[in-house]
Amino acid sequence: MLGSCEPTEDPLSAKGQQELGAAACLRGAVGAESTAFVEAPGDANWISYGSAYGGAFVRSWLSMHVLGRWRDIRSLSRKLEYSRSHFTDFAVLQIGNPAIDRYRVTAGRMRLPFGIDTSQAPQFYQDKENRGFWRSPTDGGYLTFDDLRRLRFDAGLAVSKISRLDPKSRQPHTDAAEKAISVRAALDVSALEGTRIVASVYGAEMGERRYGLGLINTNQKGDYTAFEFARRQIFSSGRLRPFEQLLRLAYTSAWQRNARWVMQFDDERLRFRRIVFDYERVILPHLNSKLAISYLRATDGSRVSRWAFTCGVETTL
C-alpha cells in the first residue's frame, strides 16, 4: 500500500546500500470465513478477521514496526456467545538492520522469542490453538546475534502482565506482574535444499518452564514444511502440574497456477489430535478464495470427534 521496507537489491552491493535509507511501508489483510460442523450443525459460525502492519526505517539502523490483529466470531444457527479478539501482536523499536547488522536490539510490546510460532491454517483453526505454548509477558526486549550466513541467537527479557492473546485459551490467566526470559538459537544447514533448526528455552518467575525444538525446510520451488515440538510445565504452590506437550507438522505449497495447498496437523497431549487441509486460489488480483476440511479427535477421555468444512475469502492490500 505504501512503499516497501525490503531492499530489492543485495544490501551489500552498491545499489543495495542506496536502498537502505529512510523508508515506510503499510500492509493489511481482511477476510471472512464460514464453518459448518457435521456432528453439530447448530455450532456453525461466521468469522471476520484482519490484520494491519506498519513499518518505518528512520535510518538504515533504526526502525519501528507495528502489527495489529482482530478476529470476530458469530454464530450462524443459534445464539452462542459472541467472541471478539482485538490485540497488538507487536509494537517494537529495532536498533540494527536485519540485512546488514550482526548485532540488533528489539524492544517494545511483543512476545519473547520462542519456537516457530506461525500458522497458515484457516482462522477457525487458529482460534482454537493453545496460545499458552507461546504466550509471554508483553513488555520487554531481546538481543540478537546473527552471523548473516547460517547462525542466529536471540536472548530476551520481559517484565509485565501475562499476554491475553487468546481469550478462549484454557490456560489460567493472571493479572500479577512477572518476569520471564527466553533463549532461541537457529542454525541453517544445506540438508534437503535448505533446512533451519530452531531450539528454544523459556522460564518465568512464577514457575513456568518451556522447551521447544523446530525444523523448517524450504525447497527451491518455495514449498514450506515445518515441524515443531514444545513442552510446557508449571510449578504452582510447590507442586508440579501435569506437563503439556504439542507436536505440530505444517506444510504450505508454493503458489502454482494461482493456487496453493495448506496442511497442518496438531497433536496436543491429553486434549486432541487435529488435522486440516486447505485449498486456496486467486480469483481476482489481491483476492483469494479458501476451501478447507478438518477433523478433530478429542483425547481427553470424551473421545469426541468432529468434521468441519470451511469456505472463505481474503484480500491483501
Protein backbone atom coordinates (compact mmCIF):
# COMPACT_ATOMS: atom_id res chain seq x y z
CA MET A 1 0.00 0.00 0.00
CA LEU A 2 2.80 2.40 0.82
CA GLY A 3 6.34 1.75 -0.35
CA SER A 4 8.46 -1.23 0.59
CA CYS A 5 10.65 -1.86 3.64
CA GLU A 6 12.73 -4.58 1.96
CA PRO A 7 15.60 -3.70 -0.42
CA THR A 8 15.18 -5.16 -3.89
CA GLU A 9 18.96 -5.34 -4.39
CA ASP A 10 21.61 -7.14 -2.38
CA PRO A 11 22.14 -4.82 0.63
CA LEU A 12 25.89 -5.49 0.49
CA SER A 13 26.14 -4.21 -3.09
CA ALA A 14 26.46 -0.56 -4.07
CA LYS A 15 22.87 -0.38 -5.36
CA GLY A 16 21.56 -2.16 -2.30
CA GLN A 17 23.27 0.32 0.01
CA GLN A 18 21.36 3.15 -1.69
CA GLU A 19 18.04 1.48 -0.76
CA LEU A 20 18.84 1.36 2.96
CA GLY A 21 17.79 4.94 3.63
CA ALA A 22 14.50 6.20 5.07
CA ALA A 23 11.54 4.05 4.02
CA ALA A 24 7.98 3.34 5.13
CA CYS A 25 5.56 0.54 4.37
CA LEU A 26 1.96 -0.33 5.21
CA ARG A 27 0.25 -3.66 4.60
CA GLY A 28 -3.05 -5.16 5.56
CA ALA A 29 -5.44 -8.06 5.07
CA VAL A 30 -9.12 -8.68 5.75
CA GLY A 31 -11.17 -11.80 5.28
CA ALA A 32 -14.26 -13.78 6.19
CA GLU A 33 -14.88 -17.48 6.76
CA SER A 34 -17.94 -19.65 7.33
CA THR A 35 -17.55 -23.02 9.07
CA ALA A 36 -20.08 -25.85 9.39
CA PHE A 37 -19.74 -28.90 11.66
CA VAL A 38 -21.16 -32.26 10.58
CA GLU A 39 -21.89 -33.62 14.06
CA ALA A 40 -23.25 -30.29 15.41
CA PRO A 41 -24.92 -28.16 12.71
CA GLY A 42 -26.02 -25.68 15.36
CA ASP A 43 -22.40 -24.71 16.02
CA ALA A 44 -21.91 -23.25 12.53
CA ASN A 45 -20.16 -19.89 12.73
CA TRP A 46 -19.07 -16.84 10.80
CA ILE A 47 -15.62 -15.34 11.33
CA SER A 48 -14.43 -11.95 10.16
CA TYR A 49 -10.77 -11.11 10.68
CA GLY A 50 -8.00 -8.80 9.63
CA SER A 51 -4.50 -7.52 10.29
CA ALA A 52 -2.59 -4.30 9.69
CA TYR A 53 1.18 -3.85 9.64
CA GLY A 54 3.14 -0.62 9.56
CA GLY A 55 6.90 -0.18 9.42
CA ALA A 56 9.27 2.75 9.10
CA PHE A 57 13.06 2.95 8.77
CA VAL A 58 14.22 6.29 10.12
CA ARG A 59 17.82 5.35 9.39
CA SER A 60 19.33 2.19 7.98
CA TRP A 61 19.98 1.08 11.58
CA LEU A 62 16.82 2.38 13.28
CA SER A 63 13.27 1.20 12.54
CA MET A 64 9.78 0.84 14.07
CA HIS A 65 7.30 -1.97 13.45
CA VAL A 66 3.66 -2.48 14.50
CA LEU A 67 1.25 -5.35 13.79
CA GLY A 68 -2.37 -5.39 14.96
CA ARG A 69 -4.90 -8.22 14.58
CA TRP A 70 -8.61 -8.73 15.12
CA ARG A 71 -10.96 -11.71 14.91
CA ASP A 72 -14.75 -11.69 15.47
CA ILE A 73 -16.78 -14.91 15.69
CA ARG A 74 -20.58 -15.06 15.44
CA SER A 75 -22.98 -17.99 15.42
CA LEU A 76 -24.93 -18.70 12.21
CA SER A 77 -27.51 -21.11 13.60
CA ARG A 78 -28.29 -20.25 17.18
CA LYS A 79 -27.40 -17.75 19.85
CA LEU A 80 -23.97 -18.63 21.13
CA GLU A 81 -21.54 -16.40 22.99
CA TYR A 82 -20.08 -13.74 20.69
CA SER A 83 -16.29 -13.80 20.64
CA ARG A 84 -14.14 -10.77 19.86
CA SER A 85 -10.36 -10.70 19.95
CA HIS A 86 -8.55 -7.44 19.12
CA PHE A 87 -4.90 -7.14 20.10
CA THR A 88 -1.49 -5.73 19.21
CA ASP A 89 0.70 -8.61 18.11
CA PHE A 90 3.82 -6.45 18.41
CA ALA A 91 4.86 -2.80 18.52
CA VAL A 92 8.64 -2.56 18.67
CA LEU A 93 11.64 -0.34 18.09
CA GLN A 94 14.61 -2.07 16.47
CA ILE A 95 18.22 -0.90 16.52
CA GLY A 96 20.15 -2.64 13.77
CA ASN A 97 19.16 -3.76 10.28
CA PRO A 98 18.48 -7.50 9.75
CA ALA A 99 20.03 -7.27 6.28
CA ILE A 100 23.45 -5.92 7.27
CA ASP A 101 23.94 -5.82 11.07
CA ARG A 102 25.12 -8.79 13.09
CA TYR A 103 24.01 -7.33 16.42
CA ARG A 104 20.49 -6.00 16.90
CA VAL A 105 18.29 -4.89 19.78
CA THR A 106 14.48 -5.13 19.64
CA ALA A 107 12.31 -3.66 22.40
CA GLY A 108 8.65 -2.81 22.99
CA ARG A 109 5.39 -4.74 23.21
CA MET A 110 5.87 -8.28 21.90
CA ARG A 111 6.20 -11.97 22.75
CA LEU A 112 9.59 -13.25 23.78
CA PRO A 113 11.31 -15.28 21.03
CA PHE A 114 10.27 -18.93 21.38
CA GLY A 115 9.85 -21.63 18.76
CA ILE A 116 8.45 -21.13 15.27
CA ASP A 117 5.05 -19.74 16.27
CA THR A 118 3.49 -19.44 12.82
CA SER A 119 0.41 -20.91 11.13
CA GLN A 120 -1.19 -20.62 7.69
CA ALA A 121 -4.28 -22.60 8.71
CA PRO A 122 -7.78 -21.06 8.42
CA GLN A 123 -8.87 -18.67 11.16
CA PHE A 124 -11.36 -21.02 12.85
CA TYR A 125 -8.45 -23.45 13.27
CA GLN A 126 -6.07 -20.83 14.67
CA ASP A 127 -8.73 -19.60 17.10
CA LYS A 128 -8.66 -22.96 18.91
CA GLU A 129 -4.89 -23.03 19.34
CA ASN A 130 -3.49 -23.19 22.85
CA ARG A 131 -1.60 -19.90 22.95
CA GLY A 132 -0.03 -20.89 26.27
CA PHE A 133 2.80 -22.52 24.32
CA TRP A 134 3.94 -19.11 23.02
CA ARG A 135 2.43 -16.55 25.36
CA SER A 136 4.79 -14.41 27.49
CA PRO A 137 4.86 -11.12 29.39
CA THR A 138 4.24 -8.42 26.83
CA ASP A 139 6.76 -5.65 27.57
CA GLY A 140 10.44 -6.33 27.10
CA GLY A 141 13.22 -6.74 24.59
CA TYR A 142 15.77 -9.12 23.18
CA LEU A 143 19.31 -9.04 21.83
CA THR A 144 20.10 -10.77 18.54
CA PHE A 145 23.40 -12.04 17.20
CA ASP A 146 23.23 -13.04 13.53
CA ASP A 147 26.30 -14.03 11.50
CA LEU A 148 24.24 -13.23 8.34
CA ARG A 149 25.03 -16.67 6.97
CA ARG A 150 23.69 -19.59 9.00
CA LEU A 151 23.68 -18.93 12.75
CA ARG A 152 21.42 -16.74 14.91
CA PHE A 153 20.87 -16.29 18.67
CA ASP A 154 18.05 -14.39 20.41
CA ALA A 155 18.12 -13.74 24.16
CA GLY A 156 15.21 -11.82 25.70
CA LEU A 157 13.80 -10.48 28.95
CA ALA A 158 10.24 -9.27 29.63
CA VAL A 159 8.55 -7.85 32.71
CA SER A 160 4.80 -7.18 32.63
CA LYS A 161 1.38 -8.79 32.94
CA ILE A 162 0.63 -12.02 31.11
CA SER A 163 -0.43 -11.50 27.49
CA ARG A 164 -4.11 -12.17 26.71
CA LEU A 165 -3.71 -13.06 23.05
CA ASP A 166 -6.44 -15.70 23.13
CA PRO A 167 -9.37 -15.07 25.49
CA LYS A 168 -10.60 -18.64 24.85
CA SER A 169 -7.37 -20.27 25.98
CA ARG A 170 -7.96 -22.94 28.58
CA GLN A 171 -4.81 -21.90 30.39
CA PRO A 172 -5.32 -19.80 33.54
CA HIS A 173 -4.70 -16.06 33.19
CA THR A 174 -3.29 -13.86 35.91
CA ASP A 175 -3.16 -10.13 36.50
CA ALA A 176 0.04 -10.33 38.53
CA ALA A 177 3.23 -8.99 37.00
CA GLU A 178 6.00 -11.46 36.33
CA LYS A 179 9.46 -11.70 34.82
CA ALA A 180 10.44 -14.09 32.07
CA ILE A 181 13.49 -14.87 29.96
CA SER A 182 13.97 -16.85 26.77
CA VAL A 183 16.82 -18.01 24.57
CA ARG A 184 16.39 -19.17 20.99
CA ALA A 185 19.06 -20.49 18.62
CA ALA A 186 18.66 -21.10 14.89
CA LEU A 187 21.08 -22.92 12.60
CA ASP A 188 20.75 -23.17 8.81
CA VAL A 189 22.06 -26.32 7.12
CA SER A 190 22.10 -27.42 3.50
CA ALA A 191 20.08 -30.61 4.01
CA LEU A 192 17.03 -31.05 1.73
CA GLU A 193 17.82 -27.85 -0.22
CA GLY A 194 17.69 -25.68 2.89
CA THR A 195 16.74 -26.51 6.47
CA ARG A 196 16.67 -24.42 9.65
CA ILE A 197 16.94 -26.00 13.10
CA VAL A 198 15.39 -23.96 15.93
CA ALA A 199 15.91 -24.70 19.64
CA SER A 200 14.25 -22.63 22.41
CA VAL A 201 14.03 -22.45 26.20
CA TYR A 202 11.79 -20.20 28.32
CA GLY A 203 11.50 -19.58 32.03
CA ALA A 204 9.13 -17.38 34.06
CA GLU A 205 9.38 -16.16 37.64
CA MET A 206 6.02 -17.72 38.58
CA GLY A 207 7.23 -21.22 37.81
CA GLU A 208 6.59 -21.81 34.11
CA ARG A 209 9.17 -23.65 32.02
CA ARG A 210 9.09 -24.36 28.29
CA TYR A 211 11.31 -26.25 25.90
CA GLY A 212 10.98 -26.28 22.13
CA LEU A 213 12.58 -27.77 19.04
CA GLY A 214 11.64 -26.98 15.45
CA LEU A 215 12.69 -27.81 11.90
CA ILE A 216 11.86 -25.62 8.90
CA ASN A 217 12.52 -26.64 5.30
CA THR A 218 12.02 -24.52 2.19
CA ASN A 219 12.89 -26.11 -1.15
CA GLN A 220 13.88 -24.38 -4.37
CA LYS A 221 10.27 -24.31 -5.59
CA GLY A 222 9.16 -22.47 -2.46
CA ASP A 223 7.33 -25.32 -0.69
CA TYR A 224 7.44 -24.78 3.07
CA THR A 225 7.45 -27.59 5.64
CA ALA A 226 7.77 -27.15 9.41
CA PHE A 227 7.86 -29.48 12.39
CA GLU A 228 7.56 -28.12 15.93
CA PHE A 229 7.76 -29.78 19.34
CA ALA A 230 7.01 -27.81 22.51
CA ARG A 231 6.66 -28.88 26.15
CA ARG A 232 5.25 -26.68 28.90
CA GLN A 233 5.43 -27.25 32.66
CA ILE A 234 4.14 -25.10 35.53
CA PHE A 235 5.23 -25.23 39.18
CA SER A 236 2.37 -23.92 41.32
CA SER A 237 2.26 -23.77 45.15
CA GLY A 238 5.23 -26.10 45.34
CA ARG A 239 3.57 -28.67 43.07
CA LEU A 240 4.35 -29.66 39.51
CA ARG A 241 1.29 -29.75 37.28
CA PRO A 242 0.98 -32.38 34.52
CA PHE A 243 3.03 -31.22 31.57
CA GLU A 244 1.50 -30.03 28.31
CA GLN A 245 3.02 -31.06 25.01
CA LEU A 246 2.44 -30.11 21.38
CA LEU A 247 3.59 -31.83 18.21
CA ARG A 248 2.88 -29.89 15.02
CA LEU A 249 3.51 -30.63 11.36
CA ALA A 250 2.69 -27.92 8.81
CA TYR A 251 3.03 -27.76 5.03
CA THR A 252 2.36 -24.84 2.69
CA SER A 253 2.97 -25.34 -1.00
CA ALA A 254 4.33 -22.66 -3.28
CA TRP A 255 1.82 -20.72 -5.37
CA GLN A 256 1.46 -22.53 -8.70
CA ARG A 257 -1.12 -21.58 -11.33
CA ASN A 258 -2.60 -19.13 -8.81
CA ALA A 259 -3.29 -21.85 -6.23
CA ARG A 260 -1.69 -23.48 -3.19
CA TRP A 261 -2.30 -26.17 -0.55
CA VAL A 262 -2.00 -25.78 3.22
CA MET A 263 -1.91 -28.73 5.64
CA GLN A 264 -1.49 -28.62 9.41
CA PHE A 265 -1.55 -31.43 11.97
CA ASP A 266 -1.55 -30.82 15.73
CA ASP A 267 -1.27 -33.44 18.47
CA GLU A 268 -1.71 -31.84 21.88
CA ARG A 269 -1.21 -34.16 24.86
CA LEU A 270 -4.42 -35.08 26.73
CA ARG A 271 -6.55 -32.72 24.59
CA PHE A 272 -6.89 -33.60 20.91
CA ARG A 273 -5.46 -34.56 17.57
CA ARG A 274 -6.49 -32.31 14.73
CA ILE A 275 -5.75 -32.05 11.02
CA VAL A 276 -6.84 -29.55 8.38
CA PHE A 277 -6.45 -29.44 4.59
CA ASP A 278 -6.89 -26.02 3.00
CA TYR A 279 -7.02 -25.17 -0.72
CA GLU A 280 -6.55 -21.53 -1.72
CA ARG A 281 -6.96 -19.97 -5.14
CA VAL A 282 -6.58 -16.47 -6.55
CA ILE A 283 -9.91 -15.42 -8.10
CA LEU A 284 -9.10 -11.72 -8.62
CA PRO A 285 -5.95 -9.66 -8.08
CA HIS A 286 -5.43 -9.43 -4.29
CA LEU A 287 -8.49 -11.63 -3.65
CA ASN A 288 -8.15 -15.28 -2.61
CA SER A 289 -10.75 -17.96 -2.01
CA LYS A 290 -10.39 -20.70 0.63
CA LEU A 291 -11.90 -24.15 0.95
CA ALA A 292 -10.90 -26.34 3.91
CA ILE A 293 -11.87 -29.61 5.58
CA SER A 294 -10.73 -30.60 9.07
CA TYR A 295 -11.08 -33.46 11.52
CA LEU A 296 -10.68 -33.32 15.32
CA ARG A 297 -10.46 -36.26 17.71
CA ALA A 298 -10.51 -35.48 21.43
CA THR A 299 -8.03 -37.42 23.60
CA ASP A 300 -9.22 -36.12 26.99
CA GLY A 301 -11.45 -39.11 27.71
CA SER A 302 -14.57 -37.84 25.93
CA ARG A 303 -13.44 -39.30 22.59
CA VAL A 304 -15.49 -36.67 20.77
CA SER A 305 -14.81 -36.41 17.03
CA ARG A 306 -15.83 -33.58 14.70
CA TRP A 307 -15.68 -32.94 10.98
CA ALA A 308 -15.75 -29.33 9.82
CA PHE A 309 -15.97 -27.61 6.44
CA THR A 310 -14.84 -24.02 5.86
CA CYS A 311 -15.15 -21.63 2.93
CA GLY A 312 -13.95 -18.07 2.84
CA VAL A 313 -12.35 -15.18 1.02
CA GLU A 314 -9.39 -12.97 1.89
CA THR A 315 -7.95 -9.83 0.36
CA THR A 316 -4.46 -8.43 0.91
CA LEU A 317 -3.60 -4.77 0.46
